[in-house]
């Protein structure tokens, strides 16, 4: 997660999800969103999926990831709202 040094909190939130085989650190490095967040004053979150993937595919043979990624991301955002870091609007 990147919170700009002089951001007005609570700030807008951008959640940047990596592609399959990646992770949050790679996504942060690849996108440069932290620098953009510094300029524009938003918080950016770079979560990592289990086994470097997100559970977004259903019914595909061999894809058996038993993880509630939607619930995970929603809970992350809710926690940041409750902490006063991000705007819940």
N, C-alpha and C. Protein backbone atom coordinates (compact mmCIF):
# COMPACT_ATOMS: atom_id res chain seq x y z
N UNK A 1 0.85 -1.17 0.00
CA UNK A 1 0.00 0.00 0.00
C UNK A 1 0.89 1.23 0.00
N UNK A 2 0.46 2.24 -0.74
CA UNK A 2 1.18 3.50 -0.75
C UNK A 2 0.22 4.62 -0.37
N UNK A 3 0.57 5.34 0.69
CA UNK A 3 -0.18 6.51 1.13
C UNK A 3 0.72 7.72 0.91
N UNK A 4 0.32 8.67 0.07
CA UNK A 4 1.17 9.84 -0.17
C UNK A 4 1.50 10.58 1.13
N UNK A 5 2.70 11.11 1.20
CA UNK A 5 3.20 11.77 2.40
C UNK A 5 2.30 12.92 2.85
N UNK A 6 1.80 13.71 1.92
CA UNK A 6 0.97 14.85 2.31
C UNK A 6 -0.46 14.73 1.79
N UNK A 7 -0.97 13.51 1.75
CA UNK A 7 -2.35 13.29 1.30
C UNK A 7 -3.32 13.80 2.35
N UNK A 8 -4.44 14.32 1.88
CA UNK A 8 -5.53 14.68 2.77
C UNK A 8 -6.34 13.41 3.01
N UNK A 9 -6.39 12.98 4.26
CA UNK A 9 -7.11 11.74 4.59
C UNK A 9 -8.48 12.06 5.15
N UNK A 10 -9.48 11.29 4.88
CA UNK A 10 -9.44 10.10 4.04
C UNK A 10 -9.30 10.46 2.56
N UNK A 11 -8.58 9.64 1.84
CA UNK A 11 -8.27 9.88 0.43
C UNK A 11 -8.98 8.85 -0.45
N UNK A 12 -9.08 9.15 -1.74
CA UNK A 12 -9.61 8.14 -2.67
C UNK A 12 -8.69 6.92 -2.69
N UNK A 13 -9.23 5.78 -3.08
CA UNK A 13 -8.48 4.52 -3.11
C UNK A 13 -8.48 3.93 -4.51
N UNK A 14 -7.29 3.50 -4.93
CA UNK A 14 -7.14 2.72 -6.17
C UNK A 14 -6.59 1.36 -5.76
N UNK A 15 -7.25 0.29 -6.19
CA UNK A 15 -6.77 -1.06 -5.93
C UNK A 15 -6.23 -1.61 -7.23
N UNK A 16 -4.93 -1.91 -7.26
CA UNK A 16 -4.26 -2.38 -8.47
C UNK A 16 -3.99 -3.88 -8.33
N UNK A 17 -4.69 -4.68 -9.11
CA UNK A 17 -4.55 -6.14 -9.04
C UNK A 17 -3.57 -6.63 -10.11
N UNK A 18 -2.63 -7.45 -9.68
CA UNK A 18 -1.64 -8.02 -10.61
C UNK A 18 -2.28 -9.09 -11.48
N UNK A 19 -1.59 -9.42 -12.55
CA UNK A 19 -2.02 -10.50 -13.41
C UNK A 19 -1.56 -11.84 -12.86
N UNK A 20 -2.05 -12.91 -13.46
CA UNK A 20 -1.69 -14.27 -13.02
C UNK A 20 -0.18 -14.46 -13.14
N UNK A 21 0.41 -14.98 -12.08
CA UNK A 21 1.85 -15.20 -12.05
C UNK A 21 2.62 -14.04 -11.45
N UNK A 22 1.93 -12.95 -11.14
CA UNK A 22 2.58 -11.79 -10.56
C UNK A 22 2.30 -11.66 -9.08
N UNK A 23 2.65 -10.50 -8.54
CA UNK A 23 2.33 -10.19 -7.15
C UNK A 23 2.21 -8.68 -6.98
N UNK A 24 1.84 -8.27 -5.79
CA UNK A 24 1.62 -6.86 -5.53
C UNK A 24 2.86 -6.02 -5.73
N UNK A 25 4.02 -6.53 -5.30
CA UNK A 25 5.27 -5.78 -5.47
C UNK A 25 5.60 -5.56 -6.94
N UNK A 26 5.40 -6.58 -7.75
CA UNK A 26 5.62 -6.45 -9.20
C UNK A 26 4.67 -5.41 -9.79
N UNK A 27 3.41 -5.45 -9.36
CA UNK A 27 2.42 -4.52 -9.88
C UNK A 27 2.80 -3.09 -9.52
N UNK A 28 3.27 -2.88 -8.30
CA UNK A 28 3.69 -1.56 -7.87
C UNK A 28 4.85 -1.05 -8.74
N UNK A 29 5.83 -1.91 -8.96
CA UNK A 29 6.99 -1.52 -9.76
C UNK A 29 6.63 -1.28 -11.22
N UNK A 30 5.77 -2.13 -11.76
CA UNK A 30 5.42 -2.06 -13.18
C UNK A 30 4.56 -0.85 -13.52
N UNK A 31 3.65 -0.49 -12.63
CA UNK A 31 2.69 0.57 -12.97
C UNK A 31 3.16 1.98 -12.67
N UNK A 32 3.99 2.14 -11.67
CA UNK A 32 4.39 3.48 -11.26
C UNK A 32 3.25 4.25 -10.59
N UNK A 33 2.22 3.52 -10.13
CA UNK A 33 1.06 4.19 -9.51
C UNK A 33 1.42 4.95 -8.24
N UNK A 34 2.46 4.52 -7.53
CA UNK A 34 2.84 5.22 -6.30
C UNK A 34 3.22 6.67 -6.60
N UNK A 35 3.97 6.88 -7.67
CA UNK A 35 4.36 8.23 -8.06
C UNK A 35 3.14 9.06 -8.48
N UNK A 36 2.21 8.44 -9.18
CA UNK A 36 0.98 9.13 -9.58
C UNK A 36 0.16 9.47 -8.34
N UNK A 37 0.10 8.53 -7.39
CA UNK A 37 -0.63 8.76 -6.14
C UNK A 37 -0.03 9.94 -5.38
N UNK A 38 1.29 10.05 -5.37
CA UNK A 38 1.95 11.19 -4.72
C UNK A 38 1.50 12.50 -5.34
N UNK A 39 1.47 12.54 -6.66
CA UNK A 39 1.08 13.78 -7.36
C UNK A 39 -0.38 14.12 -7.17
N UNK A 40 -1.25 13.11 -7.18
CA UNK A 40 -2.69 13.36 -7.18
C UNK A 40 -3.37 13.15 -5.83
N UNK A 41 -2.67 12.61 -4.85
CA UNK A 41 -3.20 12.50 -3.50
C UNK A 41 -4.17 11.37 -3.24
N UNK A 42 -3.97 10.22 -3.89
CA UNK A 42 -4.82 9.08 -3.60
C UNK A 42 -3.98 7.95 -3.01
N UNK A 43 -4.65 7.02 -2.33
CA UNK A 43 -4.00 5.84 -1.76
C UNK A 43 -4.08 4.73 -2.79
N UNK A 44 -3.00 3.99 -2.95
CA UNK A 44 -3.03 2.85 -3.87
C UNK A 44 -2.63 1.59 -3.11
N UNK A 45 -3.41 0.55 -3.34
CA UNK A 45 -3.23 -0.74 -2.67
C UNK A 45 -2.82 -1.76 -3.71
N UNK A 46 -1.77 -2.54 -3.40
CA UNK A 46 -1.25 -3.56 -4.31
C UNK A 46 -1.32 -4.93 -3.62
N UNK A 47 -2.50 -5.52 -3.49
CA UNK A 47 -2.58 -6.83 -2.83
C UNK A 47 -1.99 -7.94 -3.70
N UNK A 48 -1.63 -9.03 -3.07
CA UNK A 48 -1.12 -10.20 -3.78
C UNK A 48 -2.10 -11.35 -3.63
N UNK A 49 -2.41 -12.00 -4.73
CA UNK A 49 -3.30 -13.15 -4.71
C UNK A 49 -2.56 -14.41 -4.24
N UNK A 50 -3.31 -15.36 -3.71
CA UNK A 50 -2.74 -16.64 -3.28
C UNK A 50 -2.20 -17.38 -4.51
N UNK A 51 -1.01 -17.94 -4.38
CA UNK A 51 -0.36 -18.66 -5.48
C UNK A 51 -0.24 -17.80 -6.73
N UNK A 52 -0.07 -16.49 -6.55
CA UNK A 52 0.13 -15.52 -7.63
C UNK A 52 -1.03 -15.50 -8.64
N UNK A 53 -2.24 -15.66 -8.12
CA UNK A 53 -3.41 -15.59 -8.99
C UNK A 53 -4.63 -15.18 -8.18
N UNK A 54 -5.66 -14.81 -8.89
CA UNK A 54 -6.92 -14.42 -8.26
C UNK A 54 -7.97 -15.46 -8.59
N UNK A 55 -8.88 -15.68 -7.68
CA UNK A 55 -9.94 -16.67 -7.87
C UNK A 55 -11.09 -16.02 -8.64
N UNK A 56 -10.91 -15.86 -9.92
CA UNK A 56 -11.91 -15.22 -10.77
C UNK A 56 -12.49 -16.17 -11.82
N UNK A 57 -11.94 -17.36 -11.92
CA UNK A 57 -12.38 -18.32 -12.93
C UNK A 57 -13.15 -19.43 -12.25
N UNK A 58 -14.33 -19.73 -12.75
CA UNK A 58 -15.11 -20.84 -12.21
C UNK A 58 -15.46 -21.79 -13.33
N UNK A 59 -15.44 -23.07 -13.02
CA UNK A 59 -15.82 -24.07 -14.00
C UNK A 59 -14.74 -24.44 -14.99
N UNK A 60 -13.51 -24.00 -14.77
CA UNK A 60 -12.42 -24.35 -15.68
C UNK A 60 -11.68 -25.56 -15.10
N UNK A 61 -11.56 -26.65 -15.85
CA UNK A 61 -10.87 -27.84 -15.33
C UNK A 61 -9.46 -27.50 -14.85
N UNK A 62 -9.10 -28.02 -13.69
CA UNK A 62 -7.77 -27.80 -13.14
C UNK A 62 -7.64 -26.52 -12.34
N UNK A 63 -8.66 -25.70 -12.33
CA UNK A 63 -8.60 -24.45 -11.57
C UNK A 63 -9.39 -24.64 -10.28
N UNK A 64 -8.70 -24.92 -9.20
CA UNK A 64 -9.36 -25.30 -7.95
C UNK A 64 -9.00 -24.37 -6.79
N UNK A 65 -8.71 -23.14 -7.05
CA UNK A 65 -8.33 -22.23 -5.97
C UNK A 65 -9.54 -21.94 -5.09
N UNK A 66 -9.44 -22.28 -3.82
CA UNK A 66 -10.54 -22.13 -2.86
C UNK A 66 -10.33 -20.87 -2.02
N UNK A 67 -10.38 -19.73 -2.65
CA UNK A 67 -10.12 -18.46 -1.96
C UNK A 67 -11.21 -17.47 -2.34
N UNK A 68 -11.70 -16.72 -1.36
CA UNK A 68 -12.70 -15.68 -1.61
C UNK A 68 -11.98 -14.34 -1.81
N UNK A 69 -11.46 -14.13 -3.01
CA UNK A 69 -10.71 -12.90 -3.28
C UNK A 69 -11.59 -11.66 -3.28
N UNK A 70 -12.83 -11.78 -3.72
CA UNK A 70 -13.73 -10.63 -3.69
C UNK A 70 -13.95 -10.20 -2.24
N UNK A 71 -14.24 -11.17 -1.37
CA UNK A 71 -14.43 -10.87 0.05
C UNK A 71 -13.17 -10.28 0.67
N UNK A 72 -12.00 -10.80 0.30
CA UNK A 72 -10.72 -10.31 0.80
C UNK A 72 -10.53 -8.83 0.43
N UNK A 73 -10.76 -8.49 -0.81
CA UNK A 73 -10.56 -7.12 -1.26
C UNK A 73 -11.58 -6.17 -0.63
N UNK A 74 -12.81 -6.63 -0.53
CA UNK A 74 -13.85 -5.81 0.13
C UNK A 74 -13.46 -5.55 1.58
N UNK A 75 -13.00 -6.58 2.28
CA UNK A 75 -12.59 -6.40 3.69
C UNK A 75 -11.40 -5.46 3.82
N UNK A 76 -10.44 -5.57 2.90
CA UNK A 76 -9.30 -4.65 2.93
C UNK A 76 -9.78 -3.20 2.80
N UNK A 77 -10.64 -2.95 1.82
CA UNK A 77 -11.15 -1.60 1.61
C UNK A 77 -11.94 -1.12 2.83
N UNK A 78 -12.77 -1.98 3.39
CA UNK A 78 -13.56 -1.60 4.56
C UNK A 78 -12.66 -1.25 5.74
N UNK A 79 -11.61 -2.02 5.94
CA UNK A 79 -10.68 -1.73 7.04
C UNK A 79 -10.00 -0.38 6.85
N UNK A 80 -9.62 -0.06 5.63
CA UNK A 80 -8.99 1.23 5.35
C UNK A 80 -9.97 2.39 5.57
N UNK A 81 -11.24 2.17 5.26
CA UNK A 81 -12.27 3.18 5.53
C UNK A 81 -12.41 3.36 7.03
N UNK A 82 -12.51 2.26 7.77
CA UNK A 82 -12.66 2.32 9.22
C UNK A 82 -11.48 3.01 9.90
N UNK A 83 -10.28 2.83 9.35
CA UNK A 83 -9.09 3.47 9.91
C UNK A 83 -9.01 4.96 9.57
N UNK A 84 -9.85 5.40 8.62
CA UNK A 84 -9.82 6.80 8.20
C UNK A 84 -8.78 7.10 7.14
N UNK A 85 -8.20 6.04 6.56
CA UNK A 85 -7.18 6.22 5.53
C UNK A 85 -7.79 6.55 4.19
N UNK A 86 -8.90 5.87 3.84
CA UNK A 86 -9.53 6.10 2.54
C UNK A 86 -10.98 6.52 2.72
N UNK A 87 -11.47 7.19 1.70
CA UNK A 87 -12.84 7.68 1.65
C UNK A 87 -13.77 6.53 1.27
N UNK A 88 -14.81 6.32 2.03
CA UNK A 88 -15.73 5.23 1.76
C UNK A 88 -16.82 5.57 0.76
N UNK A 89 -16.80 6.76 0.21
CA UNK A 89 -17.86 7.17 -0.73
C UNK A 89 -17.72 6.51 -2.08
